[in-house]
């Protein structure tokens, strides 16, 4: 029984970093642009949202 639990724990420890990295990749992918907009809104002088989103 202990060996079975050890095998399950070993498998979980191998899969855990992969799961964390997948979640981190998703958070980074969808959170990068909003983070840049938030940082841009908090700088001096305070630009309007349309100025941050315009390409010029």
PDB file of N, CA and C in Angstrom:
ATOM      1  N   UNK A   1       0.822  -1.198   0.000  1.00  0.00           N
ATOM      2  CA  UNK A   1       0.000   0.000   0.000  1.00  0.00           C
ATOM      3  C   UNK A   1       0.865   1.261   0.000  1.00  0.00           C
ATOM      4  N   UNK A   2       1.922   1.259   0.780  1.00  0.00           N
ATOM      5  CA  UNK A   2       2.808   2.430   0.860  1.00  0.00           C
ATOM      6  C   UNK A   2       3.512   2.653  -0.472  1.00  0.00           C
ATOM      7  N   UNK A   3       3.868   1.551  -1.143  1.00  0.00           N
ATOM      8  CA  UNK A   3       4.542   1.677  -2.443  1.00  0.00           C
ATOM      9  C   UNK A   3       3.582   2.289  -3.471  1.00  0.00           C
ATOM     10  N   UNK A   4       2.323   1.906  -3.416  1.00  0.00           N
ATOM     11  CA  UNK A   4       1.314   2.460  -4.319  1.00  0.00           C
ATOM     12  C   UNK A   4       1.138   3.954  -4.080  1.00  0.00           C
ATOM     13  N   UNK A   5       1.133   4.363  -2.813  1.00  0.00           N
ATOM     14  CA  UNK A   5       1.021   5.783  -2.485  1.00  0.00           C
ATOM     15  C   UNK A   5       2.262   6.549  -2.941  1.00  0.00           C
ATOM     16  N   UNK A   6       3.421   5.927  -2.824  1.00  0.00           N
ATOM     17  CA  UNK A   6       4.666   6.565  -3.246  1.00  0.00           C
ATOM     18  C   UNK A   6       4.680   6.769  -4.759  1.00  0.00           C
ATOM     19  N   UNK A   7       4.166   5.798  -5.501  1.00  0.00           N
ATOM     20  CA  UNK A   7       4.105   5.925  -6.958  1.00  0.00           C
ATOM     21  C   UNK A   7       3.151   7.052  -7.345  1.00  0.00           C
ATOM     22  N   UNK A   8       2.005   7.142  -6.680  1.00  0.00           N
ATOM     23  CA  UNK A   8       1.041   8.214  -6.949  1.00  0.00           C
ATOM     24  C   UNK A   8       1.609   9.577  -6.610  1.00  0.00           C
ATOM     25  N   UNK A   9       2.324   9.650  -5.503  1.00  0.00           N
ATOM     26  CA  UNK A   9       2.937  10.913  -5.093  1.00  0.00           C
ATOM     27  C   UNK A   9       4.040  11.316  -6.067  1.00  0.00           C
ATOM     28  N   UNK A  10       4.819  10.352  -6.527  1.00  0.00           N
ATOM     29  CA  UNK A  10       5.895  10.634  -7.477  1.00  0.00           C
ATOM     30  C   UNK A  10       5.320  11.159  -8.784  1.00  0.00           C
ATOM     31  N   UNK A  11       4.233  10.558  -9.249  1.00  0.00           N
ATOM     32  CA  UNK A  11       3.585  11.013 -10.486  1.00  0.00           C
ATOM     33  C   UNK A  11       3.046  12.421 -10.315  1.00  0.00           C
ATOM     34  N   UNK A  12       2.440  12.700  -9.146  1.00  0.00           N
ATOM     35  CA  UNK A  12       1.903  14.031  -8.888  1.00  0.00           C
ATOM     36  C   UNK A  12       3.021  15.073  -8.861  1.00  0.00           C
ATOM     37  N   UNK A  13       4.155  14.735  -8.254  1.00  0.00           N
ATOM     38  CA  UNK A  13       5.276  15.672  -8.191  1.00  0.00           C
ATOM     39  C   UNK A  13       5.868  15.947  -9.570  1.00  0.00           C
ATOM     40  N   UNK A  14       5.784  14.983 -10.466  1.00  0.00           N
ATOM     41  CA  UNK A  14       6.279  15.192 -11.828  1.00  0.00           C
ATOM     42  C   UNK A  14       5.315  16.039 -12.651  1.00  0.00           C
ATOM     43  N   UNK A  15       4.012  15.911 -12.410  1.00  0.00           N
ATOM     44  CA  UNK A  15       3.020  16.641 -13.188  1.00  0.00           C
ATOM     45  C   UNK A  15       2.771  18.050 -12.658  1.00  0.00           C
ATOM     46  N   UNK A  16       3.045  18.311 -11.400  1.00  0.00           N
ATOM     47  CA  UNK A  16       2.752  19.595 -10.768  1.00  0.00           C
ATOM     48  C   UNK A  16       3.460  20.767 -11.448  1.00  0.00           C
ATOM     49  N   UNK A  17       4.778  20.702 -11.725  1.00  0.00           N
ATOM     50  CA  UNK A  17       5.427  21.839 -12.399  1.00  0.00           C
ATOM     51  C   UNK A  17       4.862  22.107 -13.793  1.00  0.00           C
ATOM     52  N   UNK A  18       4.506  21.063 -14.511  1.00  0.00           N
ATOM     53  CA  UNK A  18       3.918  21.237 -15.835  1.00  0.00           C
ATOM     54  C   UNK A  18       2.586  21.962 -15.730  1.00  0.00           C
ATOM     55  N   UNK A  19       1.766  21.580 -14.756  1.00  0.00           N
ATOM     56  CA  UNK A  19       0.468  22.224 -14.553  1.00  0.00           C
ATOM     57  C   UNK A  19       0.656  23.691 -14.191  1.00  0.00           C
ATOM     58  N   UNK A  20       1.593  23.985 -13.306  1.00  0.00           N
ATOM     59  CA  UNK A  20       1.849  25.367 -12.892  1.00  0.00           C
ATOM     60  C   UNK A  20       2.326  26.202 -14.075  1.00  0.00           C
ATOM     61  N   UNK A  21       3.233  25.662 -14.874  1.00  0.00           N
ATOM     62  CA  UNK A  21       3.753  26.414 -16.015  1.00  0.00           C
ATOM     63  C   UNK A  21       2.665  26.674 -17.060  1.00  0.00           C
ATOM     64  N   UNK A  22       1.764  25.730 -17.267  1.00  0.00           N
ATOM     65  CA  UNK A  22       0.660  25.955 -18.202  1.00  0.00           C
ATOM     66  C   UNK A  22      -0.242  27.083 -17.720  1.00  0.00           C
ATOM     67  N   UNK A  23      -0.532  27.095 -16.412  1.00  0.00           N
ATOM     68  CA  UNK A  23      -1.375  28.162 -15.849  1.00  0.00           C
ATOM     69  C   UNK A  23      -0.661  29.504 -15.913  1.00  0.00           C
ATOM     70  N   UNK A  24       0.638  29.518 -15.644  1.00  0.00           N
ATOM     71  CA  UNK A  24       1.412  30.757 -15.704  1.00  0.00           C
ATOM     72  C   UNK A  24       1.470  31.294 -17.133  1.00  0.00           C
ATOM     73  N   UNK A  25       1.595  30.407 -18.105  1.00  0.00           N
ATOM     74  CA  UNK A  25       1.619  30.814 -19.506  1.00  0.00           C
ATOM     75  C   UNK A  25       0.296  31.455 -19.907  1.00  0.00           C
ATOM     76  N   UNK A  26      -0.815  30.872 -19.464  1.00  0.00           N
ATOM     77  CA  UNK A  26      -2.132  31.421 -19.766  1.00  0.00           C
ATOM     78  C   UNK A  26      -2.311  32.784 -19.115  1.00  0.00           C
ATOM     79  N   UNK A  27      -1.919  32.910 -17.858  1.00  0.00           N
ATOM     80  CA  UNK A  27      -2.040  34.198 -17.155  1.00  0.00           C
ATOM     81  C   UNK A  27      -1.186  35.267 -17.819  1.00  0.00           C
ATOM     82  N   UNK A  28       0.011  34.902 -18.218  1.00  0.00           N
ATOM     83  CA  UNK A  28       0.900  35.848 -18.891  1.00  0.00           C
ATOM     84  C   UNK A  28       0.329  36.251 -20.239  1.00  0.00           C
ATOM     85  N   UNK A  29      -0.206  35.287 -20.975  1.00  0.00           N
ATOM     86  CA  UNK A  29      -0.731  35.561 -22.307  1.00  0.00           C
ATOM     87  C   UNK A  29      -1.890  36.558 -22.263  1.00  0.00           C
ATOM     88  N   UNK A  30      -2.818  36.348 -21.344  1.00  0.00           N
ATOM     89  CA  UNK A  30      -4.001  37.202 -21.283  1.00  0.00           C
ATOM     90  C   UNK A  30      -3.829  38.423 -20.374  1.00  0.00           C
ATOM     91  N   UNK A  31      -2.767  38.468 -19.577  1.00  0.00           N
ATOM     92  CA  UNK A  31      -2.599  39.563 -18.648  1.00  0.00           C
ATOM     93  C   UNK A  31      -1.569  40.597 -19.035  1.00  0.00           C
ATOM     94  N   UNK A  32      -0.774  40.338 -20.080  1.00  0.00           N
ATOM     95  CA  UNK A  32       0.324  41.235 -20.420  1.00  0.00           C
ATOM     96  C   UNK A  32      -0.164  42.597 -20.903  1.00  0.00           C
ATOM     97  N   UNK A  33      -1.040  42.625 -21.886  1.00  0.00           N
ATOM     98  CA  UNK A  33      -1.526  43.896 -22.432  1.00  0.00           C
ATOM     99  C   UNK A  33      -2.310  44.692 -21.393  1.00  0.00           C
ATOM    100  N   UNK A  34      -3.241  44.081 -20.639  1.00  0.00           N
ATOM    101  CA  UNK A  34      -3.894  44.868 -19.583  1.00  0.00           C
ATOM    102  C   UNK A  34      -2.908  45.420 -18.556  1.00  0.00           C
ATOM    103  N   UNK A  35      -1.856  44.673 -18.250  1.00  0.00           N
ATOM    104  CA  UNK A  35      -0.834  45.166 -17.321  1.00  0.00           C
ATOM    105  C   UNK A  35      -0.142  46.398 -17.883  1.00  0.00           C
ATOM    106  N   UNK A  36       0.200  46.379 -19.160  1.00  0.00           N
ATOM    107  CA  UNK A  36       0.846  47.528 -19.792  1.00  0.00           C
ATOM    108  C   UNK A  36      -0.092  48.741 -19.780  1.00  0.00           C
ATOM    109  N   UNK A  37      -1.372  48.521 -20.041  1.00  0.00           N
ATOM    110  CA  UNK A  37      -2.338  49.624 -20.022  1.00  0.00           C
ATOM    111  C   UNK A  37      -2.464  50.200 -18.617  1.00  0.00           C
ATOM    112  N   UNK A  38      -2.511  49.340 -17.612  1.00  0.00           N
ATOM    113  CA  UNK A  38      -2.607  49.824 -16.229  1.00  0.00           C
ATOM    114  C   UNK A  38      -1.362  50.613 -15.850  1.00  0.00           C
ATOM    115  N   UNK A  39      -0.202  50.121 -16.210  1.00  0.00           N
ATOM    116  CA  UNK A  39       1.036  50.856 -15.919  1.00  0.00           C
ATOM    117  C   UNK A  39       1.043  52.194 -16.641  1.00  0.00           C
ATOM    118  N   UNK A  40       0.584  52.212 -17.892  1.00  0.00           N
ATOM    119  CA  UNK A  40       0.525  53.458 -18.652  1.00  0.00           C
ATOM    120  C   UNK A  40      -0.452  54.459 -18.076  1.00  0.00           C
ATOM    121  N   UNK A  41      -1.539  53.967 -17.497  1.00  0.00           N
ATOM    122  CA  UNK A  41      -2.537  54.870 -16.906  1.00  0.00           C
ATOM    123  C   UNK A  41      -2.038  55.490 -15.600  1.00  0.00           C
ATOM    124  N   UNK A  42      -1.050  54.876 -14.970  1.00  0.00           N
ATOM    125  CA  UNK A  42      -0.559  55.362 -13.688  1.00  0.00           C
ATOM    126  C   UNK A  42       0.714  56.193 -13.803  1.00  0.00           C
ATOM    127  N   UNK A  43       1.109  56.574 -14.999  1.00  0.00           N
ATOM    128  CA  UNK A  43       2.303  57.390 -15.166  1.00  0.00           C
ATOM    129  C   UNK A  43       1.916  58.867 -15.225  1.00  0.00           C
ATOM    130  N   UNK A  44       2.896  59.723 -15.070  1.00  0.00           N
ATOM    131  CA  UNK A  44       2.669  61.165 -15.191  1.00  0.00           C
ATOM    132  C   UNK A  44       3.226  61.638 -16.516  1.00  0.00           C
ATOM    133  N   UNK A  45       2.604  62.442 -17.269  1.00  0.00           N
ATOM    134  CA  UNK A  45       1.235  62.934 -17.163  1.00  0.00           C
ATOM    135  C   UNK A  45       0.259  61.810 -17.478  1.00  0.00           C
ATOM    136  N   UNK A  46      -0.918  61.876 -16.893  1.00  0.00           N
ATOM    137  CA  UNK A  46      -1.907  60.810 -17.057  1.00  0.00           C
ATOM    138  C   UNK A  46      -2.566  60.903 -18.435  1.00  0.00           C
ATOM    139  N   UNK A  47      -2.293  59.913 -19.291  1.00  0.00           N
ATOM    140  CA  UNK A  47      -2.921  59.912 -20.608  1.00  0.00           C
ATOM    141  C   UNK A  47      -4.344  59.362 -20.529  1.00  0.00           C
ATOM    142  N   UNK A  48      -5.126  59.689 -21.544  1.00  0.00           N
ATOM    143  CA  UNK A  48      -6.457  59.102 -21.642  1.00  0.00           C
ATOM    144  C   UNK A  48      -6.320  57.714 -22.251  1.00  0.00           C
ATOM    145  N   UNK A  49      -7.332  56.883 -22.050  1.00  0.00           N
ATOM    146  CA  UNK A  49      -7.295  55.518 -22.552  1.00  0.00           C
ATOM    147  C   UNK A  49      -7.158  55.501 -24.080  1.00  0.00           C
ATOM    148  N   UNK A  50      -7.812  56.422 -24.767  1.00  0.00           N
ATOM    149  CA  UNK A  50      -7.729  56.476 -26.230  1.00  0.00           C
ATOM    150  C   UNK A  50      -6.302  56.801 -26.681  1.00  0.00           C
ATOM    151  N   UNK A  51      -5.574  57.606 -25.912  1.00  0.00           N
ATOM    152  CA  UNK A  51      -4.183  57.904 -26.260  1.00  0.00           C
ATOM    153  C   UNK A  51      -3.293  56.675 -26.069  1.00  0.00           C
ATOM    154  N   UNK A  52      -3.601  55.855 -25.071  1.00  0.00           N
ATOM    155  CA  UNK A  52      -2.806  54.647 -24.868  1.00  0.00           C
ATOM    156  C   UNK A  52      -3.051  53.608 -25.948  1.00  0.00           C
ATOM    157  N   UNK A  53      -4.277  53.539 -26.435  1.00  0.00           N
ATOM    158  CA  UNK A  53      -4.629  52.488 -27.395  1.00  0.00           C
ATOM    159  C   UNK A  53      -4.377  52.872 -28.839  1.00  0.00           C
ATOM    160  N   UNK A  54      -4.168  54.168 -29.111  1.00  0.00           N
ATOM    161  CA  UNK A  54      -3.947  54.586 -30.492  1.00  0.00           C
ATOM    162  C   UNK A  54      -2.502  54.238 -30.903  1.00  0.00           C
ATOM    163  N   UNK A  55      -2.294  53.864 -32.167  1.00  0.00           N
ATOM    164  CA  UNK A  55      -0.954  53.485 -32.605  1.00  0.00           C
ATOM    165  C   UNK A  55       0.009  54.657 -32.777  1.00  0.00           C
ATOM    166  N   UNK A  56      -0.489  55.863 -32.801  1.00  0.00           N
ATOM    167  CA  UNK A  56       0.394  57.023 -33.006  1.00  0.00           C
ATOM    168  C   UNK A  56       0.742  57.676 -31.709  1.00  0.00           C
TER     169      UNK A  56
END
